[in-house]
PDB file of all heavy atoms in Angstrom:
ATOM      1  N   GLN A   1      32.539 -13.637   6.271  1.00  0.00           N
ATOM      2  CA  GLN A   1      33.696 -12.735   6.210  1.00  0.00           C
ATOM      3  C   GLN A   1      33.392 -11.379   6.851  1.00  0.00           C
ATOM      4  O   GLN A   1      34.291 -10.716   7.379  1.00  0.00           O
ATOM      5  CB  GLN A   1      34.136 -12.529   4.760  1.00  0.00           C
ATOM      6  CG  GLN A   1      34.750 -13.756   4.107  1.00  0.00           C
ATOM      7  CD  GLN A   1      35.099 -13.515   2.653  1.00  0.00           C
ATOM      8  OE1 GLN A   1      35.606 -12.450   2.303  1.00  0.00           O
ATOM      9  NE2 GLN A   1      34.819 -14.493   1.799  1.00  0.00           N
ATOM     10  N   LEU A   2      32.118 -10.986   6.822  1.00  0.00           N
ATOM     11  CA  LEU A   2      31.714  -9.708   7.412  1.00  0.00           C
ATOM     12  C   LEU A   2      31.550  -9.791   8.930  1.00  0.00           C
ATOM     13  O   LEU A   2      31.267  -8.795   9.583  1.00  0.00           O
ATOM     14  CB  LEU A   2      30.401  -9.233   6.769  1.00  0.00           C
ATOM     15  CG  LEU A   2      30.533  -8.734   5.325  1.00  0.00           C
ATOM     16  CD1 LEU A   2      29.162  -8.588   4.679  1.00  0.00           C
ATOM     17  CD2 LEU A   2      31.294  -7.411   5.278  1.00  0.00           C
ATOM     18  N   GLU A   3      31.709 -10.990   9.482  1.00  0.00           N
ATOM     19  CA  GLU A   3      31.719 -11.226  10.927  1.00  0.00           C
ATOM     20  C   GLU A   3      30.416 -10.793  11.611  1.00  0.00           C
ATOM     21  O   GLU A   3      30.437 -10.189  12.694  1.00  0.00           O
ATOM     22  CB  GLU A   3      32.935 -10.532  11.567  1.00  0.00           C
ATOM     23  CG  GLU A   3      34.261 -11.071  11.038  1.00  0.00           C
ATOM     24  CD  GLU A   3      35.461 -10.461  11.736  1.00  0.00           C
ATOM     25  OE1 GLU A   3      35.357  -9.325  12.246  1.00  0.00           O
ATOM     26  OE2 GLU A   3      36.508 -11.121  11.778  1.00  0.00           O
ATOM     27  N   VAL A   4      29.322 -11.131  10.970  1.00  0.00           N
ATOM     28  CA  VAL A   4      28.021 -10.904  11.614  1.00  0.00           C
ATOM     29  C   VAL A   4      27.680 -12.097  12.487  1.00  0.00           C
ATOM     30  O   VAL A   4      28.284 -13.166  12.375  1.00  0.00           O
ATOM     31  CB  VAL A   4      26.903 -10.677  10.566  1.00  0.00           C
ATOM     32  CG1 VAL A   4      27.145  -9.388   9.795  1.00  0.00           C
ATOM     33  CG2 VAL A   4      26.791 -11.874   9.605  1.00  0.00           C
ATOM     34  N   GLU A   5      26.698 -11.901  13.362  1.00  0.00           N
ATOM     35  CA  GLU A   5      26.284 -12.988  14.249  1.00  0.00           C
ATOM     36  C   GLU A   5      25.252 -13.906  13.597  1.00  0.00           C
ATOM     37  O   GLU A   5      25.221 -15.100  13.886  1.00  0.00           O
ATOM     38  CB  GLU A   5      25.691 -12.414  15.544  1.00  0.00           C
ATOM     39  CG  GLU A   5      26.690 -11.738  16.452  1.00  0.00           C
ATOM     40  CD  GLU A   5      26.968 -10.284  16.084  1.00  0.00           C
ATOM     41  OE1 GLU A   5      26.372  -9.775  15.107  1.00  0.00           O
ATOM     42  OE2 GLU A   5      27.777  -9.652  16.762  1.00  0.00           O
ATOM     43  N   TRP A   6      24.398 -13.315  12.755  1.00  0.00           N
ATOM     44  CA  TRP A   6      23.272 -14.049  12.177  1.00  0.00           C
ATOM     45  C   TRP A   6      23.209 -13.884  10.665  1.00  0.00           C
ATOM     46  O   TRP A   6      23.644 -12.869  10.119  1.00  0.00           O
ATOM     47  CB  TRP A   6      21.944 -13.509  12.720  1.00  0.00           C
ATOM     48  CG  TRP A   6      21.613 -13.800  14.130  1.00  0.00           C
ATOM     49  CD1 TRP A   6      22.090 -13.155  15.248  1.00  0.00           C
ATOM     50  CD2 TRP A   6      20.686 -14.792  14.602  1.00  0.00           C
ATOM     51  NE1 TRP A   6      21.528 -13.686  16.374  1.00  0.00           N
ATOM     52  CE2 TRP A   6      20.652 -14.680  16.016  1.00  0.00           C
ATOM     53  CE3 TRP A   6      19.881 -15.742  13.974  1.00  0.00           C
ATOM     54  CZ2 TRP A   6      19.849 -15.497  16.808  1.00  0.00           C
ATOM     55  CZ3 TRP A   6      19.078 -16.549  14.763  1.00  0.00           C
ATOM     56  CH2 TRP A   6      19.069 -16.433  16.157  1.00  0.00           C
ATOM     57  N   VAL A   7      22.605 -14.868  10.013  1.00  0.00           N
ATOM     58  CA  VAL A   7      22.059 -14.684   8.669  1.00  0.00           C
ATOM     59  C   VAL A   7      20.589 -15.093   8.725  1.00  0.00           C
ATOM     60  O   VAL A   7      20.218 -16.012   9.461  1.00  0.00           O
ATOM     61  CB  VAL A   7      22.794 -15.502   7.586  1.00  0.00           C
ATOM     62  CG1 VAL A   7      24.185 -14.948   7.338  1.00  0.00           C
ATOM     63  CG2 VAL A   7      22.829 -16.983   7.924  1.00  0.00           C
ATOM     64  N   GLU A   8      19.759 -14.370   7.987  1.00  0.00           N
ATOM     65  CA  GLU A   8      18.353 -14.742   7.858  1.00  0.00           C
ATOM     66  C   GLU A   8      18.102 -15.141   6.413  1.00  0.00           C
ATOM     67  O   GLU A   8      18.275 -14.327   5.494  1.00  0.00           O
ATOM     68  CB  GLU A   8      17.425 -13.598   8.260  1.00  0.00           C
ATOM     69  CG  GLU A   8      15.955 -13.982   8.130  1.00  0.00           C
ATOM     70  CD  GLU A   8      14.999 -12.988   8.774  1.00  0.00           C
ATOM     71  OE1 GLU A   8      15.443 -12.158   9.591  1.00  0.00           O
ATOM     72  OE2 GLU A   8      13.791 -13.054   8.457  1.00  0.00           O
ATOM     73  N   LEU A   9      17.752 -16.377   6.205  1.00  0.00           N
ATOM     74  CA  LEU A   9      17.545 -16.897   4.854  1.00  0.00           C
ATOM     75  C   LEU A   9      16.202 -16.433   4.300  1.00  0.00           C
ATOM     76  O   LEU A   9      15.167 -16.581   4.944  1.00  0.00           O
ATOM     77  CB  LEU A   9      17.615 -18.424   4.858  1.00  0.00           C
ATOM     78  CG  LEU A   9      18.935 -19.032   5.356  1.00  0.00           C
ATOM     79  CD1 LEU A   9      18.851 -20.556   5.343  1.00  0.00           C
ATOM     80  CD2 LEU A   9      20.121 -18.566   4.519  1.00  0.00           C
ATOM     81  N   HIS A  10      16.241 -15.886   3.107  1.00  0.00           N
ATOM     82  CA  HIS A  10      15.037 -15.388   2.432  1.00  0.00           C
ATOM     83  C   HIS A  10      14.231 -16.574   1.917  1.00  0.00           C
ATOM     84  O   HIS A  10      14.685 -17.341   1.071  1.00  0.00           O
ATOM     85  CB  HIS A  10      15.455 -14.478   1.274  1.00  0.00           C
ATOM     86  CG  HIS A  10      14.319 -13.978   0.455  1.00  0.00           C
ATOM     87  ND1 HIS A  10      14.191 -14.270  -0.883  1.00  0.00           N
ATOM     88  CD2 HIS A  10      13.265 -13.213   0.779  1.00  0.00           C
ATOM     89  CE1 HIS A  10      13.087 -13.696  -1.349  1.00  0.00           C
ATOM     90  NE2 HIS A  10      12.516 -13.044  -0.360  1.00  0.00           N
ATOM     91  N   THR A  11      13.014 -16.732   2.445  1.00  0.00           N
ATOM     92  CA  THR A  11      12.162 -17.858   2.061  1.00  0.00           C
ATOM     93  C   THR A  11      11.083 -17.444   1.062  1.00  0.00           C
ATOM     94  O   THR A  11      10.143 -18.206   0.816  1.00  0.00           O
ATOM     95  CB  THR A  11      11.498 -18.474   3.312  1.00  0.00           C
ATOM     96  OG1 THR A  11      10.839 -17.429   4.057  1.00  0.00           O
ATOM     97  CG2 THR A  11      12.530 -19.149   4.207  1.00  0.00           C
ATOM     98  N   GLY A  12      11.199 -16.271   0.491  1.00  0.00           N
ATOM     99  CA  GLY A  12      10.167 -15.768  -0.415  1.00  0.00           C
ATOM    100  C   GLY A  12       9.974 -16.607  -1.661  1.00  0.00           C
ATOM    101  O   GLY A  12       8.837 -16.840  -2.095  1.00  0.00           O
ATOM    102  N   THR A  13      11.074 -17.080  -2.255  1.00  0.00           N
ATOM    103  CA  THR A  13      10.966 -17.914  -3.456  1.00  0.00           C
ATOM    104  C   THR A  13      10.232 -19.208  -3.135  1.00  0.00           C
ATOM    105  O   THR A  13       9.316 -19.627  -3.856  1.00  0.00           O
ATOM    106  CB  THR A  13      12.360 -18.219  -4.017  1.00  0.00           C
ATOM    107  OG1 THR A  13      13.007 -16.984  -4.366  1.00  0.00           O
ATOM    108  CG2 THR A  13      12.264 -19.105  -5.264  1.00  0.00           C
ATOM    109  N   PHE A  14      10.643 -19.845  -2.037  1.00  0.00           N
ATOM    110  CA  PHE A  14       9.961 -21.054  -1.571  1.00  0.00           C
ATOM    111  C   PHE A  14       8.475 -20.794  -1.362  1.00  0.00           C
ATOM    112  O   PHE A  14       7.613 -21.569  -1.802  1.00  0.00           O
ATOM    113  CB  PHE A  14      10.609 -21.530  -0.259  1.00  0.00           C
ATOM    114  CG  PHE A  14       9.703 -22.331   0.627  1.00  0.00           C
ATOM    115  CD1 PHE A  14       9.503 -23.682   0.402  1.00  0.00           C
ATOM    116  CD2 PHE A  14       9.033 -21.724   1.695  1.00  0.00           C
ATOM    117  CE1 PHE A  14       8.646 -24.432   1.211  1.00  0.00           C
ATOM    118  CE2 PHE A  14       8.192 -22.452   2.513  1.00  0.00           C
ATOM    119  CZ  PHE A  14       7.988 -23.808   2.266  1.00  0.00           C
ATOM    120  N   ALA A  15       8.143 -19.692  -0.686  1.00  0.00           N
ATOM    121  CA  ALA A  15       6.747 -19.382  -0.360  1.00  0.00           C
ATOM    122  C   ALA A  15       5.919 -19.142  -1.624  1.00  0.00           C
ATOM    123  O   ALA A  15       4.756 -19.571  -1.699  1.00  0.00           O
ATOM    124  CB  ALA A  15       6.685 -18.160   0.559  1.00  0.00           C
ATOM    125  N   ASN A  16       6.496 -18.468  -2.604  1.00  0.00           N
ATOM    126  CA  ASN A  16       5.772 -18.208  -3.852  1.00  0.00           C
ATOM    127  C   ASN A  16       5.473 -19.497  -4.607  1.00  0.00           C
ATOM    128  O   ASN A  16       4.359 -19.695  -5.117  1.00  0.00           O
ATOM    129  CB  ASN A  16       6.588 -17.266  -4.741  1.00  0.00           C
ATOM    130  CG  ASN A  16       6.566 -15.838  -4.244  1.00  0.00           C
ATOM    131  OD1 ASN A  16       5.713 -15.453  -3.447  1.00  0.00           O
ATOM    132  ND2 ASN A  16       7.512 -15.037  -4.710  1.00  0.00           N
ATOM    133  N   ILE A  17       6.469 -20.372  -4.678  1.00  0.00           N
ATOM    134  CA  ILE A  17       6.265 -21.655  -5.369  1.00  0.00           C
ATOM    135  C   ILE A  17       5.200 -22.469  -4.638  1.00  0.00           C
ATOM    136  O   ILE A  17       4.295 -23.034  -5.266  1.00  0.00           O
ATOM    137  CB  ILE A  17       7.593 -22.445  -5.452  1.00  0.00           C
ATOM    138  CG1 ILE A  17       8.630 -21.674  -6.279  1.00  0.00           C
ATOM    139  CG2 ILE A  17       7.347 -23.823  -6.075  1.00  0.00           C
ATOM    140  CD1 ILE A  17      10.036 -22.233  -6.160  1.00  0.00           C
ATOM    141  N   TYR A  18       5.306 -22.526  -3.319  1.00  0.00           N
ATOM    142  CA  TYR A  18       4.335 -23.280  -2.521  1.00  0.00           C
ATOM    143  C   TYR A  18       2.923 -22.751  -2.756  1.00  0.00           C
ATOM    144  O   TYR A  18       1.967 -23.524  -2.929  1.00  0.00           O
ATOM    145  CB  TYR A  18       4.703 -23.189  -1.037  1.00  0.00           C
ATOM    146  CG  TYR A  18       3.869 -24.091  -0.156  1.00  0.00           C
ATOM    147  CD1 TYR A  18       4.364 -25.322   0.265  1.00  0.00           C
ATOM    148  CD2 TYR A  18       2.583 -23.730   0.236  1.00  0.00           C
ATOM    149  CE1 TYR A  18       3.602 -26.170   1.067  1.00  0.00           C
ATOM    150  CE2 TYR A  18       1.815 -24.570   1.028  1.00  0.00           C
ATOM    151  CZ  TYR A  18       2.324 -25.783   1.441  1.00  0.00           C
ATOM    152  OH  TYR A  18       1.559 -26.619   2.218  1.00  0.00           O
ATOM    153  N   ALA A  19       2.778 -21.432  -2.758  1.00  0.00           N
ATOM    154  CA  ALA A  19       1.454 -20.833  -2.932  1.00  0.00           C
ATOM    155  C   ALA A  19       0.866 -21.149  -4.297  1.00  0.00           C
ATOM    156  O   ALA A  19      -0.334 -21.411  -4.436  1.00  0.00           O
ATOM    157  CB  ALA A  19       1.530 -19.322  -2.725  1.00  0.00           C
ATOM    158  N   MET A  20       1.695 -21.128  -5.324  1.00  0.00           N
ATOM    159  CA  MET A  20       1.203 -21.430  -6.676  1.00  0.00           C
ATOM    160  C   MET A  20       0.855 -22.906  -6.826  1.00  0.00           C
ATOM    161  O   MET A  20      -0.008 -23.273  -7.624  1.00  0.00           O
ATOM    162  CB  MET A  20       2.238 -21.013  -7.716  1.00  0.00           C
ATOM    163  CG  MET A  20       2.391 -19.507  -7.864  1.00  0.00           C
ATOM    164  SD  MET A  20       0.913 -18.671  -8.501  1.00  0.00           S
ATOM    165  CE  MET A  20       1.018 -19.128 -10.247  1.00  0.00           C
ATOM    166  N   LEU A  21       1.504 -23.763  -6.037  1.00  0.00           N
ATOM    167  CA  LEU A  21       1.249 -25.200  -6.114  1.00  0.00           C
ATOM    168  C   LEU A  21       0.094 -25.631  -5.219  1.00  0.00           C
ATOM    169  O   LEU A  21      -0.727 -26.463  -5.611  1.00  0.00           O
ATOM    170  CB  LEU A  21       2.518 -25.967  -5.720  1.00  0.00           C
ATOM    171  CG  LEU A  21       2.449 -27.498  -5.710  1.00  0.00           C
ATOM    172  CD1 LEU A  21       2.119 -28.041  -7.106  1.00  0.00           C
ATOM    173  CD2 LEU A  21       3.770 -28.078  -5.218  1.00  0.00           C
ATOM    174  N   HIS A  22      -0.009 -25.064  -4.035  1.00  0.00           N
ATOM    175  CA  HIS A  22      -0.934 -25.588  -3.031  1.00  0.00           C
ATOM    176  C   HIS A  22      -2.069 -24.655  -2.626  1.00  0.00           C
ATOM    177  O   HIS A  22      -2.825 -24.974  -1.704  1.00  0.00           O
ATOM    178  CB  HIS A  22      -0.155 -25.976  -1.773  1.00  0.00           C
ATOM    179  CG  HIS A  22       0.775 -27.135  -1.965  1.00  0.00           C
ATOM    180  ND1 HIS A  22       0.342 -28.401  -2.287  1.00  0.00           N
ATOM    181  CD2 HIS A  22       2.135 -27.202  -1.884  1.00  0.00           C
ATOM    182  CE1 HIS A  22       1.390 -29.215  -2.377  1.00  0.00           C
ATOM    183  NE2 HIS A  22       2.485 -28.506  -2.145  1.00  0.00           N
ATOM    184  N   SER A  23      -2.188 -23.512  -3.276  1.00  0.00           N
ATOM    185  CA  SER A  23      -3.292 -22.606  -2.943  1.00  0.00           C
ATOM    186  C   SER A  23      -4.016 -22.179  -4.220  1.00  0.00           C
ATOM    187  O   SER A  23      -3.690 -22.633  -5.316  1.00  0.00           O
ATOM    188  CB  SER A  23      -2.776 -21.373  -2.188  1.00  0.00           C
ATOM    189  OG  SER A  23      -2.222 -20.429  -3.086  1.00  0.00           O
ATOM    190  N   ASN A  24      -4.953 -21.296  -4.056  1.00  0.00           N
ATOM    191  CA  ASN A  24      -5.741 -20.805  -5.186  1.00  0.00           C
ATOM    192  C   ASN A  24      -5.129 -19.565  -5.827  1.00  0.00           C
ATOM    193  O   ASN A  24      -5.774 -18.888  -6.634  1.00  0.00           O
ATOM    194  CB  ASN A  24      -7.172 -20.483  -4.711  1.00  0.00           C
ATOM    195  CG  ASN A  24      -8.143 -20.312  -5.865  1.00  0.00           C
ATOM    196  OD1 ASN A  24      -8.101 -21.068  -6.827  1.00  0.00           O
ATOM    197  ND2 ASN A  24      -9.006 -19.308  -5.781  1.00  0.00           N
TER     198      ASN A  24
END
């Protein structure tokens, strides 16, 4: 509705979950 050209999806939640599951 704001007639922008782009949206950038925030992947921070995904990244945090991935890090807690697959890293130290």
